[in-house]
Amino acid sequence: MQTFAAYVGAAVFEIAGCFAFWAWLRLDKSIWWIVPGLAALSLFAYLLTLVDSAAAGRAYAAYGGIYIASSIIWLWLAEGVHPDRWDITGATVCMIGATIIFLGPRAT
C-alpha cells in the first residue's frame, strides 16, 4: 500500500510539474509557473525513492503504468477532456504491464 501511495503521489507531482511548464510555454502563463513546477518535480523524484525495490529501473518501469493512468485522469479532471475508449484501453494495458513488473516473481 505504501508503494502504491508513493507511485500515485509521484504521478500527481510529475504531471503537475510538467503541466506547469506546459502552461508557461504553451498556454502563455507567467514564467513564475515554473517555480511550483520545479518543486513538484523534486517531490516526484523524492517519492520514487520511497519505493521498495532493489533496482531503480524496475521501480520506474512499474511506475510507468500508474503515470499513464494518472495522466488520463488529469486529462479528464484538470483539462476537462473526456477520455475516449482508446485512452482507457491503453491505460488498462499499461496498468496490466505495470502489475506484472511489480508483482512478478524474482530470482534471488
PDB file of N, CA and C in Angstrom:
ATOM      1  N   MET A   1       0.829  -1.194   0.000  1.00  0.00           N
ATOM      2  CA  MET A   1       0.000   0.000   0.000  1.00  0.00           C
ATOM      3  C   MET A   1       0.876   1.262   0.000  1.00  0.00           C
ATOM      4  N   GLN A   2       1.989   1.229   0.747  1.00  0.00           N
ATOM      5  CA  GLN A   2       2.889   2.383   0.775  1.00  0.00           C
ATOM      6  C   GLN A   2       3.495   2.622  -0.611  1.00  0.00           C
ATOM      7  N   THR A   3       3.814   1.558  -1.312  1.00  0.00           N
ATOM      8  CA  THR A   3       4.370   1.698  -2.660  1.00  0.00           C
ATOM      9  C   THR A   3       3.349   2.321  -3.598  1.00  0.00           C
ATOM     10  N   PHE A   4       2.120   1.853  -3.536  1.00  0.00           N
ATOM     11  CA  PHE A   4       1.074   2.409  -4.394  1.00  0.00           C
ATOM     12  C   PHE A   4       0.874   3.895  -4.096  1.00  0.00           C
ATOM     13  N   ALA A   5       0.870   4.259  -2.824  1.00  0.00           N
ATOM     14  CA  ALA A   5       0.719   5.673  -2.442  1.00  0.00           C
ATOM     15  C   ALA A   5       1.890   6.506  -2.961  1.00  0.00           C
ATOM     16  N   ALA A   6       3.099   5.961  -2.882  1.00  0.00           N
ATOM     17  CA  ALA A   6       4.272   6.682  -3.402  1.00  0.00           C
ATOM     18  C   ALA A   6       4.144   6.870  -4.911  1.00  0.00           C
ATOM     19  N   TYR A   7       3.698   5.821  -5.608  1.00  0.00           N
ATOM     20  CA  TYR A   7       3.522   5.922  -7.054  1.00  0.00           C
ATOM     21  C   TYR A   7       2.453   6.951  -7.437  1.00  0.00           C
ATOM     22  N   VAL A   8       1.330   6.928  -6.750  1.00  0.00           N
ATOM     23  CA  VAL A   8       0.257   7.876  -7.068  1.00  0.00           C
ATOM     24  C   VAL A   8       0.712   9.298  -6.760  1.00  0.00           C
ATOM     25  N   GLY A   9       1.345   9.495  -5.610  1.00  0.00           N
ATOM     26  CA  GLY A   9       1.869  10.824  -5.278  1.00  0.00           C
ATOM     27  C   GLY A   9       2.895  11.294  -6.297  1.00  0.00           C
ATOM     28  N   ALA A  10       3.785  10.398  -6.686  1.00  0.00           N
ATOM     29  CA  ALA A  10       4.796  10.745  -7.691  1.00  0.00           C
ATOM     30  C   ALA A  10       4.135  11.140  -9.005  1.00  0.00           C
ATOM     31  N   ALA A  11       3.117  10.408  -9.392  1.00  0.00           N
ATOM     32  CA  ALA A  11       2.420  10.712 -10.649  1.00  0.00           C
ATOM     33  C   ALA A  11       1.776  12.091 -10.597  1.00  0.00           C
ATOM     34  N   VAL A  12       1.110  12.381  -9.497  1.00  0.00           N
ATOM     35  CA  VAL A  12       0.452  13.684  -9.371  1.00  0.00           C
ATOM     36  C   VAL A  12       1.485  14.809  -9.458  1.00  0.00           C
ATOM     37  N   PHE A  13       2.585  14.660  -8.738  1.00  0.00           N
ATOM     38  CA  PHE A  13       3.607  15.714  -8.753  1.00  0.00           C
ATOM     39  C   PHE A  13       4.327  15.808 -10.096  1.00  0.00           C
ATOM     40  N   GLU A  14       4.566  14.676 -10.755  1.00  0.00           N
ATOM     41  CA  GLU A  14       5.211  14.735 -12.062  1.00  0.00           C
ATOM     42  C   GLU A  14       4.302  15.414 -13.088  1.00  0.00           C
ATOM     43  N   ILE A  15       3.052  15.033 -13.095  1.00  0.00           N
ATOM     44  CA  ILE A  15       2.113  15.625 -14.051  1.00  0.00           C
ATOM     45  C   ILE A  15       1.940  17.113 -13.774  1.00  0.00           C
ATOM     46  N   ALA A  16       1.784  17.475 -12.505  1.00  0.00           N
ATOM     47  CA  ALA A  16       1.631  18.892 -12.150  1.00  0.00           C
ATOM     48  C   ALA A  16       2.885  19.689 -12.513  1.00  0.00           C
ATOM     49  N   GLY A  17       4.051  19.125 -12.259  1.00  0.00           N
ATOM     50  CA  GLY A  17       5.298  19.811 -12.602  1.00  0.00           C
ATOM     51  C   GLY A  17       5.458  20.006 -14.098  1.00  0.00           C
ATOM     52  N   CYS A  18       5.176  18.974 -14.844  1.00  0.00           N
ATOM     53  CA  CYS A  18       5.266  19.085 -16.301  1.00  0.00           C
ATOM     54  C   CYS A  18       4.189  20.021 -16.845  1.00  0.00           C
ATOM     55  N   PHE A  19       3.002  19.981 -16.251  1.00  0.00           N
ATOM     56  CA  PHE A  19       1.935  20.878 -16.696  1.00  0.00           C
ATOM     57  C   PHE A  19       2.309  22.339 -16.452  1.00  0.00           C
ATOM     58  N   ALA A  20       3.044  22.608 -15.379  1.00  0.00           N
ATOM     59  CA  ALA A  20       3.473  23.988 -15.114  1.00  0.00           C
ATOM     60  C   ALA A  20       4.312  24.516 -16.287  1.00  0.00           C
ATOM     61  N   PHE A  21       5.204  23.688 -16.798  1.00  0.00           N
ATOM     62  CA  PHE A  21       5.998  24.102 -17.957  1.00  0.00           C
ATOM     63  C   PHE A  21       5.121  24.218 -19.201  1.00  0.00           C
ATOM     64  N   TRP A  22       4.191  23.291 -19.367  1.00  0.00           N
ATOM     65  CA  TRP A  22       3.247  23.341 -20.484  1.00  0.00           C
ATOM     66  C   TRP A  22       2.473  24.656 -20.439  1.00  0.00           C
ATOM     67  N   ALA A  23       1.986  24.996 -19.240  1.00  0.00           N
ATOM     68  CA  ALA A  23       1.199  26.227 -19.084  1.00  0.00           C
ATOM     69  C   ALA A  23       2.030  27.454 -19.449  1.00  0.00           C
ATOM     70  N   TRP A  24       3.269  27.476 -19.001  1.00  0.00           N
ATOM     71  CA  TRP A  24       4.153  28.607 -19.304  1.00  0.00           C
ATOM     72  C   TRP A  24       4.437  28.710 -20.795  1.00  0.00           C
ATOM     73  N   LEU A  25       4.823  27.589 -21.403  1.00  0.00           N
ATOM     74  CA  LEU A  25       5.279  27.621 -22.795  1.00  0.00           C
ATOM     75  C   LEU A  25       4.172  27.492 -23.837  1.00  0.00           C
ATOM     76  N   ARG A  26       3.074  26.837 -23.490  1.00  0.00           N
ATOM     77  CA  ARG A  26       2.026  26.599 -24.484  1.00  0.00           C
ATOM     78  C   ARG A  26       0.742  27.371 -24.229  1.00  0.00           C
ATOM     79  N   LEU A  27       0.527  27.751 -22.969  1.00  0.00           N
ATOM     80  CA  LEU A  27      -0.706  28.457 -22.624  1.00  0.00           C
ATOM     81  C   LEU A  27      -0.456  29.928 -22.270  1.00  0.00           C
ATOM     82  N   ASP A  28       0.762  30.380 -22.512  1.00  0.00           N
ATOM     83  CA  ASP A  28       1.142  31.777 -22.273  1.00  0.00           C
ATOM     84  C   ASP A  28       0.932  32.232 -20.839  1.00  0.00           C
ATOM     85  N   LYS A  29       1.169  31.336 -19.880  1.00  0.00           N
ATOM     86  CA  LYS A  29       1.118  31.715 -18.470  1.00  0.00           C
ATOM     87  C   LYS A  29       2.451  32.347 -18.080  1.00  0.00           C
ATOM     88  N   SER A  30       2.480  32.969 -16.932  1.00  0.00           N
ATOM     89  CA  SER A  30       3.678  33.626 -16.420  1.00  0.00           C
ATOM     90  C   SER A  30       4.825  32.626 -16.243  1.00  0.00           C
ATOM     91  N   ILE A  31       6.035  33.105 -16.417  1.00  0.00           N
ATOM     92  CA  ILE A  31       7.216  32.265 -16.189  1.00  0.00           C
ATOM     93  C   ILE A  31       7.267  31.764 -14.753  1.00  0.00           C
ATOM     94  N   TRP A  32       6.586  32.446 -13.851  1.00  0.00           N
ATOM     95  CA  TRP A  32       6.566  32.047 -12.443  1.00  0.00           C
ATOM     96  C   TRP A  32       5.873  30.701 -12.233  1.00  0.00           C
ATOM     97  N   TRP A  33       5.160  30.216 -13.216  1.00  0.00           N
ATOM     98  CA  TRP A  33       4.556  28.881 -13.118  1.00  0.00           C
ATOM     99  C   TRP A  33       5.620  27.798 -12.944  1.00  0.00           C
ATOM    100  N   ILE A  34       6.839  28.068 -13.417  1.00  0.00           N
ATOM    101  CA  ILE A  34       7.858  27.023 -13.313  1.00  0.00           C
ATOM    102  C   ILE A  34       8.380  26.851 -11.886  1.00  0.00           C
ATOM    103  N   VAL A  35       8.187  27.830 -11.019  1.00  0.00           N
ATOM    104  CA  VAL A  35       8.659  27.689  -9.635  1.00  0.00           C
ATOM    105  C   VAL A  35       7.930  26.544  -8.925  1.00  0.00           C
ATOM    106  N   PRO A  36       6.595  26.562  -8.861  1.00  0.00           N
ATOM    107  CA  PRO A  36       5.943  25.391  -8.252  1.00  0.00           C
ATOM    108  C   PRO A  36       6.140  24.123  -9.093  1.00  0.00           C
ATOM    109  N   GLY A  37       6.335  24.305 -10.399  1.00  0.00           N
ATOM    110  CA  GLY A  37       6.600  23.152 -11.256  1.00  0.00           C
ATOM    111  C   GLY A  37       7.879  22.441 -10.873  1.00  0.00           C
ATOM    112  N   LEU A  38       8.925  23.200 -10.611  1.00  0.00           N
ATOM    113  CA  LEU A  38      10.197  22.605 -10.193  1.00  0.00           C
ATOM    114  C   LEU A  38      10.071  21.943  -8.824  1.00  0.00           C
ATOM    115  N   ALA A  39       9.341  22.580  -7.930  1.00  0.00           N
ATOM    116  CA  ALA A  39       9.109  21.970  -6.616  1.00  0.00           C
ATOM    117  C   ALA A  39       8.358  20.650  -6.762  1.00  0.00           C
ATOM    118  N   ALA A  40       7.341  20.636  -7.614  1.00  0.00           N
ATOM    119  CA  ALA A  40       6.566  19.416  -7.839  1.00  0.00           C
ATOM    120  C   ALA A  40       7.437  18.315  -8.431  1.00  0.00           C
ATOM    121  N   LEU A  41       8.294  18.658  -9.378  1.00  0.00           N
ATOM    122  CA  LEU A  41       9.168  17.651  -9.988  1.00  0.00           C
ATOM    123  C   LEU A  41      10.179  17.109  -8.980  1.00  0.00           C
ATOM    124  N   SER A  42      10.622  17.949  -8.060  1.00  0.00           N
ATOM    125  CA  SER A  42      11.523  17.481  -6.998  1.00  0.00           C
ATOM    126  C   SER A  42      10.809  16.492  -6.079  1.00  0.00           C
ATOM    127  N   LEU A  43       9.568  16.790  -5.730  1.00  0.00           N
ATOM    128  CA  LEU A  43       8.789  15.865  -4.901  1.00  0.00           C
ATOM    129  C   LEU A  43       8.521  14.555  -5.631  1.00  0.00           C
ATOM    130  N   PHE A  44       8.267  14.644  -6.925  1.00  0.00           N
ATOM    131  CA  PHE A  44       8.088  13.438  -7.742  1.00  0.00           C
ATOM    132  C   PHE A  44       9.310  12.528  -7.619  1.00  0.00           C
ATOM    133  N   ALA A  45      10.492  13.091  -7.828  1.00  0.00           N
ATOM    134  CA  ALA A  45      11.716  12.286  -7.767  1.00  0.00           C
ATOM    135  C   ALA A  45      11.926  11.701  -6.372  1.00  0.00           C
ATOM    136  N   TYR A  46      11.668  12.497  -5.352  1.00  0.00           N
ATOM    137  CA  TYR A  46      11.814  12.012  -3.980  1.00  0.00           C
ATOM    138  C   TYR A  46      10.868  10.844  -3.705  1.00  0.00           C
ATOM    139  N   LEU A  47       9.621  10.973  -4.086  1.00  0.00           N
ATOM    140  CA  LEU A  47       8.644   9.918  -3.809  1.00  0.00           C
ATOM    141  C   LEU A  47       9.028   8.589  -4.452  1.00  0.00           C
ATOM    142  N   LEU A  48       9.639   8.639  -5.626  1.00  0.00           N
ATOM    143  CA  LEU A  48      10.050   7.376  -6.252  1.00  0.00           C
ATOM    144  C   LEU A  48      11.151   6.682  -5.461  1.00  0.00           C
ATOM    145  N   THR A  49      11.932   7.440  -4.684  1.00  0.00           N
ATOM    146  CA  THR A  49      12.971   6.798  -3.873  1.00  0.00           C
ATOM    147  C   THR A  49      12.373   6.027  -2.699  1.00  0.00           C
ATOM    148  N   LEU A  50      11.105   6.258  -2.386  1.00  0.00           N
ATOM    149  CA  LEU A  50      10.460   5.563  -1.281  1.00  0.00           C
ATOM    150  C   LEU A  50       9.957   4.169  -1.668  1.00  0.00           C
ATOM    151  N   VAL A  51       9.976   3.865  -2.951  1.00  0.00           N
ATOM    152  CA  VAL A  51       9.508   2.558  -3.426  1.00  0.00           C
ATOM    153  C   VAL A  51      10.529   1.492  -3.055  1.00  0.00           C
ATOM    154  N   ASP A  52      10.040   0.420  -2.449  1.00  0.00           N
ATOM    155  CA  ASP A  52      10.902  -0.681  -2.032  1.00  0.00           C
ATOM    156  C   ASP A  52      11.232  -1.555  -3.234  1.00  0.00           C
ATOM    157  N   SER A  53      12.377  -1.308  -3.827  1.00  0.00           N
ATOM    158  CA  SER A  53      12.828  -2.076  -4.993  1.00  0.00           C
ATOM    159  C   SER A  53      14.342  -2.125  -4.978  1.00  0.00           C
ATOM    160  N   ALA A  54      14.885  -3.271  -5.354  1.00  0.00           N
ATOM    161  CA  ALA A  54      16.338  -3.406  -5.413  1.00  0.00           C
ATOM    162  C   ALA A  54      16.925  -2.706  -6.634  1.00  0.00           C
ATOM    163  N   ALA A  55      16.092  -2.416  -7.626  1.00  0.00           N
ATOM    164  CA  ALA A  55      16.577  -1.809  -8.868  1.00  0.00           C
ATOM    165  C   ALA A  55      15.707  -0.611  -9.230  1.00  0.00           C
ATOM    166  N   ALA A  56      16.333   0.525  -9.423  1.00  0.00           N
ATOM    167  CA  ALA A  56      15.603   1.745  -9.769  1.00  0.00           C
ATOM    168  C   ALA A  56      14.836   1.576 -11.074  1.00  0.00           C
ATOM    169  N   GLY A  57      15.448   0.971 -12.059  1.00  0.00           N
ATOM    170  CA  GLY A  57      14.803   0.806 -13.356  1.00  0.00           C
ATOM    171  C   GLY A  57      13.500   0.026 -13.271  1.00  0.00           C
ATOM    172  N   ARG A  58      13.476  -1.002 -12.420  1.00  0.00           N
ATOM    173  CA  ARG A  58      12.250  -1.785 -12.253  1.00  0.00           C
ATOM    174  C   ARG A  58      11.180  -0.948 -11.550  1.00  0.00           C
ATOM    175  N   ALA A  59      11.576  -0.172 -10.559  1.00  0.00           N
ATOM    176  CA  ALA A  59      10.624   0.714  -9.872  1.00  0.00           C
ATOM    177  C   ALA A  59      10.046   1.720 -10.856  1.00  0.00           C
ATOM    178  N   TYR A  60      10.890   2.274 -11.719  1.00  0.00           N
ATOM    179  CA  TYR A  60      10.428   3.259 -12.700  1.00  0.00           C
ATOM    180  C   TYR A  60       9.520   2.616 -13.745  1.00  0.00           C
ATOM    181  N   ALA A  61       9.850   1.398 -14.151  1.00  0.00           N
ATOM    182  CA  ALA A  61       9.034   0.709 -15.153  1.00  0.00           C
ATOM    183  C   ALA A  61       7.632   0.426 -14.608  1.00  0.00           C
ATOM    184  N   ALA A  62       7.560  -0.049 -13.376  1.00  0.00           N
ATOM    185  CA  ALA A  62       6.251  -0.312 -12.777  1.00  0.00           C
ATOM    186  C   ALA A  62       5.493   1.000 -12.582  1.00  0.00           C
ATOM    187  N   TYR A  63       6.200   2.056 -12.243  1.00  0.00           N
ATOM    188  CA  TYR A  63       5.584   3.373 -12.071  1.00  0.00           C
ATOM    189  C   TYR A  63       4.954   3.869 -13.372  1.00  0.00           C
ATOM    190  N   GLY A  64       5.515   3.486 -14.500  1.00  0.00           N
ATOM    191  CA  GLY A  64       5.024   3.962 -15.797  1.00  0.00           C
ATOM    192  C   GLY A  64       3.531   3.736 -16.000  1.00  0.00           C
ATOM    193  N   GLY A  65       3.037   2.593 -15.583  1.00  0.00           N
ATOM    194  CA  GLY A  65       1.607   2.314 -15.725  1.00  0.00           C
ATOM    195  C   GLY A  65       0.756   3.245 -14.878  1.00  0.00           C
ATOM    196  N   ILE A  66       1.205   3.502 -13.658  1.00  0.00           N
ATOM    197  CA  ILE A  66       0.495   4.434 -12.769  1.00  0.00           C
ATOM    198  C   ILE A  66       0.506   5.826 -13.378  1.00  0.00           C
ATOM    199  N   TYR A  67       1.652   6.221 -13.919  1.00  0.00           N
ATOM    200  CA  TYR A  67       1.776   7.545 -14.534  1.00  0.00           C
ATOM    201  C   TYR A  67       0.792   7.705 -15.696  1.00  0.00           C
ATOM    202  N   ILE A  68       0.719   6.708 -16.540  1.00  0.00           N
ATOM    203  CA  ILE A  68      -0.162   6.789 -17.707  1.00  0.00           C
ATOM    204  C   ILE A  68      -1.626   6.863 -17.277  1.00  0.00           C
ATOM    205  N   ALA A  69      -2.024   6.027 -16.345  1.00  0.00           N
ATOM    206  CA  ALA A  69      -3.412   6.072 -15.866  1.00  0.00           C
ATOM    207  C   ALA A  69      -3.706   7.417 -15.206  1.00  0.00           C
ATOM    208  N   SER A  70      -2.750   7.921 -14.427  1.00  0.00           N
ATOM    209  CA  SER A  70      -2.933   9.224 -13.779  1.00  0.00           C
ATOM    210  C   SER A  70      -3.018  10.349 -14.804  1.00  0.00           C
ATOM    211  N   SER A  71      -2.279  10.238 -15.879  1.00  0.00           N
ATOM    212  CA  SER A  71      -2.335  11.255 -16.936  1.00  0.00           C
ATOM    213  C   SER A  71      -3.704  11.301 -17.601  1.00  0.00           C
ATOM    214  N   ILE A  72      -4.311  10.138 -17.769  1.00  0.00           N
ATOM    215  CA  ILE A  72      -5.662  10.087 -18.349  1.00  0.00           C
ATOM    216  C   ILE A  72      -6.669  10.722 -17.381  1.00  0.00           C
ATOM    217  N   ILE A  73      -6.496  10.459 -16.097  1.00  0.00           N
ATOM    218  CA  ILE A  73      -7.369  11.088 -15.097  1.00  0.00           C
ATOM    219  C   ILE A  73      -7.160  12.608 -15.097  1.00  0.00           C
ATOM    220  N   TRP A  74      -5.909  13.065 -15.193  1.00  0.00           N
ATOM    221  CA  TRP A  74      -5.600  14.505 -15.280  1.00  0.00           C
ATOM    222  C   TRP A  74      -6.275  15.115 -16.502  1.00  0.00           C
ATOM    223  N   LEU A  75      -6.167  14.419 -17.629  1.00  0.00           N
ATOM    224  CA  LEU A  75      -6.802  14.876 -18.862  1.00  0.00           C
ATOM    225  C   LEU A  75      -8.277  15.190 -18.617  1.00  0.00           C
ATOM    226  N   TRP A  76      -8.940  14.305 -17.895  1.00  0.00           N
ATOM    227  CA  TRP A  76     -10.365  14.425 -17.642  1.00  0.00           C
ATOM    228  C   TRP A  76     -10.668  15.487 -16.591  1.00  0.00           C
ATOM    229  N   LEU A  77     -10.004  15.402 -15.421  1.00  0.00           N
ATOM    230  CA  LEU A  77     -10.356  16.270 -14.305  1.00  0.00           C
ATOM    231  C   LEU A  77      -9.761  17.677 -14.411  1.00  0.00           C
ATOM    232  N   ALA A  78      -8.511  17.789 -14.832  1.00  0.00           N
ATOM    233  CA  ALA A  78      -7.850  19.099 -14.857  1.00  0.00           C
ATOM    234  C   ALA A  78      -8.056  19.841 -16.171  1.00  0.00           C
ATOM    235  N   GLU A  79      -8.117  19.080 -17.272  1.00  0.00           N
ATOM    236  CA  GLU A  79      -8.228  19.729 -18.577  1.00  0.00           C
ATOM    237  C   GLU A  79      -9.633  19.673 -19.165  1.00  0.00           C
ATOM    238  N   GLY A  80     -10.507  18.907 -18.534  1.00  0.00           N
ATOM    239  CA  GLY A  80     -11.888  18.844 -18.991  1.00  0.00           C
ATOM    240  C   GLY A  80     -12.102  18.089 -20.285  1.00  0.00           C
ATOM    241  N   VAL A  81     -11.153  17.237 -20.659  1.00  0.00           N
ATOM    242  CA  VAL A  81     -11.277  16.437 -21.880  1.00  0.00           C
ATOM    243  C   VAL A  81     -11.644  15.015 -21.470  1.00  0.00           C
ATOM    244  N   HIS A  82     -12.757  14.529 -21.969  1.00  0.00           N
ATOM    245  CA  HIS A  82     -13.194  13.182 -21.614  1.00  0.00           C
ATOM    246  C   HIS A  82     -12.351  12.146 -22.351  1.00  0.00           C
ATOM    247  N   PRO A  83     -11.775  11.207 -21.609  1.00  0.00           N
ATOM    248  CA  PRO A  83     -11.003  10.146 -22.255  1.00  0.00           C
ATOM    249  C   PRO A  83     -11.899   9.327 -23.188  1.00  0.00           C
ATOM    250  N   ASP A  84     -11.340   8.917 -24.308  1.00  0.00           N
ATOM    251  CA  ASP A  84     -12.101   8.048 -25.201  1.00  0.00           C
ATOM    252  C   ASP A  84     -11.729   6.591 -24.930  1.00  0.00           C
ATOM    253  N   ARG A  85     -12.329   5.694 -25.690  1.00  0.00           N
ATOM    254  CA  ARG A  85     -12.097   4.264 -25.422  1.00  0.00           C
ATOM    255  C   ARG A  85     -10.647   3.876 -25.653  1.00  0.00           C
ATOM    256  N   TRP A  86      -9.950   4.576 -26.532  1.00  0.00           N
ATOM    257  CA  TRP A  86      -8.545   4.270 -26.786  1.00  0.00           C
ATOM    258  C   TRP A  86      -7.666   4.722 -25.625  1.00  0.00           C
ATOM    259  N   ASP A  87      -8.002   5.836 -25.017  1.00  0.00           N
ATOM    260  CA  ASP A  87      -7.282   6.273 -23.819  1.00  0.00           C
ATOM    261  C   ASP A  87      -7.439   5.242 -22.705  1.00  0.00           C
ATOM    262  N   ILE A  88      -8.666   4.820 -22.482  1.00  0.00           N
ATOM    263  CA  ILE A  88      -8.958   3.861 -21.409  1.00  0.00           C
ATOM    264  C   ILE A  88      -8.310   2.507 -21.698  1.00  0.00           C
ATOM    265  N   THR A  89      -8.409   2.055 -22.929  1.00  0.00           N
ATOM    266  CA  THR A  89      -7.808   0.768 -23.296  1.00  0.00           C
ATOM    267  C   THR A  89      -6.292   0.812 -23.136  1.00  0.00           C
ATOM    268  N   GLY A  90      -5.675   1.865 -23.617  1.00  0.00           N
ATOM    269  CA  GLY A  90      -4.228   1.998 -23.497  1.00  0.00           C
ATOM    270  C   GLY A  90      -3.769   2.046 -22.052  1.00  0.00           C
ATOM    271  N   ALA A  91      -4.471   2.814 -21.230  1.00  0.00           N
ATOM    272  CA  ALA A  91      -4.113   2.899 -19.812  1.00  0.00           C
ATOM    273  C   ALA A  91      -4.287   1.550 -19.123  1.00  0.00           C
ATOM    274  N   THR A  92      -5.321   0.818 -19.502  1.00  0.00           N
ATOM    275  CA  THR A  92      -5.555  -0.503 -18.917  1.00  0.00           C
ATOM    276  C   THR A  92      -4.422  -1.461 -19.270  1.00  0.00           C
ATOM    277  N   VAL A  93      -4.010  -1.469 -20.520  1.00  0.00           N
ATOM    278  CA  VAL A  93      -2.896  -2.320 -20.948  1.00  0.00           C
ATOM    279  C   VAL A  93      -1.628  -1.965 -20.169  1.00  0.00           C
ATOM    280  N   CYS A  94      -1.381  -0.682 -20.000  1.00  0.00           N
ATOM    281  CA  CYS A  94      -0.193  -0.246 -19.262  1.00  0.00           C
ATOM    282  C   CYS A  94      -0.250  -0.659 -17.796  1.00  0.00           C
ATOM    283  N   MET A  95      -1.429  -0.557 -17.189  1.00  0.00           N
ATOM    284  CA  MET A  95      -1.569  -0.968 -15.786  1.00  0.00           C
ATOM    285  C   MET A  95      -1.359  -2.473 -15.629  1.00  0.00           C
ATOM    286  N   ILE A  96      -1.815  -3.242 -16.597  1.00  0.00           N
ATOM    287  CA  ILE A  96      -1.568  -4.689 -16.560  1.00  0.00           C
ATOM    288  C   ILE A  96      -0.062  -4.944 -16.628  1.00  0.00           C
ATOM    289  N   GLY A  97       0.617  -4.261 -17.514  1.00  0.00           N
ATOM    290  CA  GLY A  97       2.068  -4.409 -17.625  1.00  0.00           C
ATOM    291  C   GLY A  97       2.788  -3.996 -16.351  1.00  0.00           C
ATOM    292  N   ALA A  98       2.373  -2.884 -15.764  1.00  0.00           N
ATOM    293  CA  ALA A  98       2.996  -2.421 -14.520  1.00  0.00           C
ATOM    294  C   ALA A  98       2.786  -3.438 -13.394  1.00  0.00           C
ATOM    295  N   THR A  99       1.608  -4.026 -13.344  1.00  0.00           N
ATOM    296  CA  THR A  99       1.316  -5.025 -12.317  1.00  0.00           C
ATOM    297  C   THR A  99       2.194  -6.253 -12.495  1.00  0.00           C
ATOM    298  N   ILE A 100       2.374  -6.682 -13.723  1.00  0.00           N
ATOM    299  CA  ILE A 100       3.246  -7.831 -13.996  1.00  0.00           C
ATOM    300  C   ILE A 100       4.673  -7.526 -13.549  1.00  0.00           C
ATOM    301  N   ILE A 101       5.168  -6.353 -13.884  1.00  0.00           N
ATOM    302  CA  ILE A 101       6.535  -5.970 -13.482  1.00  0.00           C
ATOM    303  C   ILE A 101       6.649  -5.920 -11.967  1.00  0.00           C
ATOM    304  N   PHE A 102       5.687  -5.285 -11.324  1.00  0.00           N
ATOM    305  CA  PHE A 102       5.760  -5.083  -9.883  1.00  0.00           C
ATOM    306  C   PHE A 102       5.590  -6.370  -9.090  1.00  0.00           C
ATOM    307  N   LEU A 103       4.662  -7.231  -9.494  1.00  0.00           N
ATOM    308  CA  LEU A 103       4.352  -8.439  -8.718  1.00  0.00           C
ATOM    309  C   LEU A 103       5.041  -9.704  -9.213  1.00  0.00           C
ATOM    310  N   GLY A 104       5.741  -9.626 -10.331  1.00  0.00           N
ATOM    311  CA  GLY A 104       6.380 -10.829 -10.879  1.00  0.00           C
ATOM    312  C   GLY A 104       7.390 -11.413  -9.919  1.00  0.00           C
ATOM    313  N   PRO A 105       7.477 -12.749  -9.896  1.00  0.00           N
ATOM    314  CA  PRO A 105       8.456 -13.397  -9.011  1.00  0.00           C
ATOM    315  C   PRO A 105       9.875 -13.074  -9.472  1.00  0.00           C
ATOM    316  N   ARG A 106      10.743 -12.891  -8.539  1.00  0.00           N
ATOM    317  CA  ARG A 106      12.139 -12.542  -8.836  1.00  0.00           C
ATOM    318  C   ARG A 106      13.058 -13.653  -8.344  1.00  0.00           C
ATOM    319  N   ALA A 107      14.049 -13.962  -9.129  1.00  0.00           N
ATOM    320  CA  ALA A 107      15.073 -14.908  -8.711  1.00  0.00           C
ATOM    321  C   ALA A 107      15.978 -14.226  -7.685  1.00  0.00           C
ATOM    322  N   THR A 108      16.324 -14.941  -6.658  1.00  0.00           N
ATOM    323  CA  THR A 108      17.194 -14.336  -5.638  1.00  0.00           C
ATOM    324  C   THR A 108      18.627 -14.685  -5.824  1.00  0.00           C
TER     325      THR A 108
END
